Amino acid sequence: MSNTLSYPELAALIQARAGVTVDPLHLERPGAQFDEFGVDSLGLLGVVGELENRHGLKVTSGAESAKTPAEFLQLVNTSLLSPKAGA
């Protein structure tokens, strides 16, 4: 995995941690929201936990409450690029 999270990687994490299969292209669609895919904050919390374990850092608070994949990626990638941002 690179230093940033991509839509395909997010889709794989959602499947692994939330048990929901989502096409990465659907996640990229402007205006896409997690609730339309059946992904809730508990599922995102699992994704956040996995990312924190993989990277050994705290993801920005509130990422698990993101409403859209774009918002989630922005929050997570800010944390991955600047580890102190999530502290």
Protein backbone atom coordinates (compact mmCIF):
# COMPACT_ATOMS: atom_id res chain seq x y z
CA MET A 1 0.00 0.00 0.00
CA SER A 2 1.27 3.47 -0.85
CA ASN A 3 1.34 6.44 1.50
CA THR A 4 -2.19 7.37 0.43
CA LEU A 5 -5.40 5.38 0.32
CA SER A 6 -7.06 4.94 -3.08
CA TYR A 7 -10.63 4.08 -3.99
CA PRO A 8 -9.74 0.45 -4.90
CA GLU A 9 -7.94 0.03 -1.57
CA LEU A 10 -10.89 1.58 0.26
CA ALA A 11 -13.28 -0.83 -1.50
CA ALA A 12 -11.11 -3.79 -0.43
CA LEU A 13 -11.02 -2.56 3.18
CA ILE A 14 -14.78 -2.04 3.21
CA GLN A 15 -15.27 -5.60 2.03
CA ALA A 16 -12.81 -7.00 4.58
CA ARG A 17 -13.92 -4.93 7.57
CA ALA A 18 -17.56 -4.05 6.91
CA GLY A 19 -18.51 -7.12 4.87
CA VAL A 20 -19.90 -5.01 2.04
CA THR A 21 -18.77 -5.43 -1.57
CA VAL A 22 -18.55 -2.10 -3.38
CA ASP A 23 -17.22 -1.37 -6.87
CA PRO A 24 -14.41 1.20 -6.53
CA LEU A 25 -15.82 3.10 -9.51
CA HIS A 26 -19.08 3.58 -7.63
CA LEU A 27 -17.16 4.98 -4.66
CA GLU A 28 -15.54 7.54 -6.98
CA ARG A 29 -18.85 8.80 -8.36
CA PRO A 30 -19.42 12.46 -7.43
CA GLY A 31 -22.03 12.69 -4.69
CA ALA A 32 -21.69 9.02 -3.68
CA GLN A 33 -22.57 8.44 -0.03
CA PHE A 34 -21.66 5.50 2.18
CA ASP A 35 -25.24 4.87 3.22
CA GLU A 36 -26.27 4.07 -0.36
CA PHE A 37 -23.79 1.17 -0.28
CA GLY A 38 -24.92 -0.07 3.12
CA VAL A 39 -21.76 1.11 4.88
CA ASP A 40 -22.34 2.68 8.28
CA SER A 41 -20.11 4.32 10.88
CA LEU A 42 -19.43 0.95 12.53
CA GLY A 43 -18.13 -0.42 9.23
CA LEU A 44 -15.97 2.66 8.77
CA LEU A 45 -14.68 2.28 12.31
CA GLY A 46 -13.41 -1.16 11.31
CA VAL A 47 -11.70 0.33 8.26
CA VAL A 48 -10.13 3.07 10.41
CA GLY A 49 -8.90 0.46 12.91
CA GLU A 50 -7.30 -1.58 10.14
CA LEU A 51 -5.57 1.50 8.72
CA GLU A 52 -4.29 2.51 12.16
CA ASN A 53 -2.90 -0.99 12.71
CA ARG A 54 -1.24 -1.10 9.29
CA HIS A 55 0.34 2.32 9.53
CA GLY A 56 0.93 2.59 13.27
CA LEU A 57 -0.70 5.99 13.57
CA LYS A 58 -3.97 7.57 14.59
CA VAL A 59 -6.33 8.50 11.77
CA THR A 60 -7.93 11.94 12.01
CA SER A 61 -10.81 11.93 14.46
CA GLY A 62 -14.16 11.85 12.72
CA ALA A 63 -13.12 9.74 9.73
CA GLU A 64 -15.49 7.00 10.88
CA SER A 65 -18.35 9.51 10.65
CA ALA A 66 -17.59 10.58 7.07
CA LYS A 67 -20.69 10.61 4.88
CA THR A 68 -18.92 10.24 1.54
CA PRO A 69 -15.98 8.19 0.26
CA ALA A 70 -14.31 11.41 -0.95
CA GLU A 71 -14.55 12.94 2.54
CA PHE A 72 -13.22 9.73 4.12
CA LEU A 73 -10.24 9.58 1.74
CA GLN A 74 -9.43 13.22 2.37
CA LEU A 75 -9.41 12.72 6.16
CA VAL A 76 -7.46 9.46 6.02
CA ASN A 77 -4.91 10.65 3.48
CA THR A 78 -4.27 13.80 5.52
CA SER A 79 -3.44 11.51 8.45
CA LEU A 80 -1.25 9.21 6.36
CA LEU A 81 0.72 12.07 4.84
CA SER A 82 1.03 13.99 8.11
CA PRO A 83 0.89 11.53 11.04
CA LYS A 84 0.60 14.33 13.61
CA ALA A 85 -2.69 15.49 11.99
CA GLY A 86 -4.61 12.64 13.58
CA ALA A 87 -3.17 13.04 17.05
